[in-house]
C-alpha atoms as a PDB file:
ATOM      1  CA  MET A   1     102.794  79.198  50.599  1.00  0.00           C
ATOM      2  CA  ALA A   2      99.901  77.095  49.276  1.00  0.00           C
ATOM      3  CA  ASP A   3      98.356  80.185  47.709  1.00  0.00           C
ATOM      4  CA  ASP A   4     101.009  80.317  44.972  1.00  0.00           C
ATOM      5  CA  ALA A   5     100.345  76.746  43.763  1.00  0.00           C
ATOM      6  CA  SER A   6      98.893  76.417  40.294  1.00  0.00           C
ATOM      7  CA  GLY A   7      95.623  74.603  39.562  1.00  0.00           C
ATOM      8  CA  PRO A   8      96.856  71.025  38.941  1.00  0.00           C
ATOM      9  CA  VAL A   9      99.362  71.196  41.790  1.00  0.00           C
ATOM     10  CA  ARG A  10      96.746  72.542  44.184  1.00  0.00           C
ATOM     11  CA  ALA A  11      94.251  69.851  43.081  1.00  0.00           C
ATOM     12  CA  ALA A  12      96.840  67.103  43.595  1.00  0.00           C
ATOM     13  CA  HIS A  13      97.736  68.513  46.989  1.00  0.00           C
ATOM     14  CA  LYS A  14      94.087  68.701  48.018  1.00  0.00           C
ATOM     15  CA  ALA A  15      93.526  65.115  46.813  1.00  0.00           C
ATOM     16  CA  LYS A  16      96.500  63.920  48.859  1.00  0.00           C
ATOM     17  CA  ILE A  17      95.218  65.734  51.963  1.00  0.00           C
ATOM     18  CA  LEU A  18      91.786  64.109  51.515  1.00  0.00           C
ATOM     19  CA  GLU A  19      93.425  60.699  51.035  1.00  0.00           C
ATOM     20  CA  VAL A  20      95.389  61.071  54.279  1.00  0.00           C
ATOM     21  CA  GLN A  21      92.278  62.295  56.134  1.00  0.00           C
ATOM     22  CA  GLN A  22      90.292  59.270  54.943  1.00  0.00           C
ATOM     23  CA  ARG A  23      93.095  56.898  55.927  1.00  0.00           C
ATOM     24  CA  ASN A  24      93.292  58.518  59.377  1.00  0.00           C
ATOM     25  CA  GLU A  25      89.521  58.265  59.828  1.00  0.00           C
ATOM     26  CA  ALA A  26      89.585  54.598  58.794  1.00  0.00           C
ATOM     27  CA  ALA A  27      92.420  53.867  61.219  1.00  0.00           C
ATOM     28  CA  HIS A  28      90.599  55.724  64.000  1.00  0.00           C
ATOM     29  CA  LYS A  29      87.389  53.789  63.305  1.00  0.00           C
ATOM     30  CA  ALA A  30      89.270  50.468  63.306  1.00  0.00           C
ATOM     31  CA  ALA A  31      90.988  51.327  66.589  1.00  0.00           C
ATOM     32  CA  LYS A  32      87.662  52.342  68.116  1.00  0.00           C
ATOM     33  CA  GLU A  33      86.046  49.042  67.030  1.00  0.00           C
ATOM     34  CA  LYS A  34      89.018  47.067  68.351  1.00  0.00           C
ATOM     35  CA  ARG A  35      88.779  48.891  71.694  1.00  0.00           C
ATOM     36  CA  LYS A  36      85.026  48.225  71.839  1.00  0.00           C
ATOM     37  CA  ALA A  37      85.607  44.522  71.156  1.00  0.00           C
ATOM     38  CA  ALA A  38      88.238  44.397  73.909  1.00  0.00           C
ATOM     39  CA  ASP A  39      85.828  46.106  76.328  1.00  0.00           C
ATOM     40  CA  ILE A  40      83.091  43.577  75.500  1.00  0.00           C
ATOM     41  CA  LYS A  41      85.496  40.668  75.961  1.00  0.00           C
ATOM     42  CA  ALA A  42      86.679  42.095  79.294  1.00  0.00           C
ATOM     43  CA  ALA A  43      83.073  42.504  80.456  1.00  0.00           C
ATOM     44  CA  ILE A  44      82.262  38.896  79.536  1.00  0.00           C
ATOM     45  CA  LEU A  45      85.326  37.616  81.397  1.00  0.00           C
ATOM     46  CA  ARG A  46      84.526  39.806  84.406  1.00  0.00           C
ATOM     47  CA  ARG A  47      80.956  38.474  84.561  1.00  0.00           C
ATOM     48  CA  ALA A  48      82.236  34.914  84.266  1.00  0.00           C
ATOM     49  CA  GLU A  49      84.566  35.552  87.222  1.00  0.00           C
ATOM     50  CA  GLU A  50      81.699  37.031  89.257  1.00  0.00           C
ATOM     51  CA  ARG A  51      79.600  33.889  88.686  1.00  0.00           C
ATOM     52  CA  LYS A  52      82.272  31.572  90.089  1.00  0.00           C
END
């Protein structure tokens, strides 16, 4: 199906795929950082509880 696309159409399609990939990677990175921050916060709270 994609093999019959002409040059400009194929280039636009490829650009769109790259755009979506980059957006997905950015979202994944943000989620990973958010999860890491939550883990750090949980560890701090857990240590505070252990000290009581």
